[in-house]
């Protein structure tokens, strides 16, 4: 089955909207988990259009990013970040080695359920940290940093 890039746009729209909705409730973490579980389970019964279910399960990833931004995690001292990133890196490596056989957000395939979500969130955190590190420490070109457009998300 061919998957284009448009599914990602729809999933991003849905997950951003659902995450915003969840943060306005009295218990956003529970709401996010319920949305993700409903998205996963419903995708096994019927496939809805416009990547609704992919967006529902991706709400977990967006919500984790919102929480990290709320606590200004990436603005904290490197010593605080490094221990957290080390744990995230171990969880990501564990996901790579032990996942059976893969995760596929485009088709809502998470064979190891919660383990896949933990590994996926850990991977996202590590990638964001690596990009932030490169943005702050490595000048790739003398005329400016090609990662300068990332200021708003980092």
Foldseek 3Di string as FASTA:
>chain_A
DDDDCQLVVLLVVLLVVQLVVLVPDPHSVVSLVVQLVCLLVVLVVDNDPSNNSLNSNCNLLVNVLVVCVVVVVVVDDPVSNVVVLVVLVVLLVCCPVPQPPDQDSSSSDRPPPPSSVSNVSSVVSNVVNVLVCCQPPPQPDPVGRPSVVCVVSD
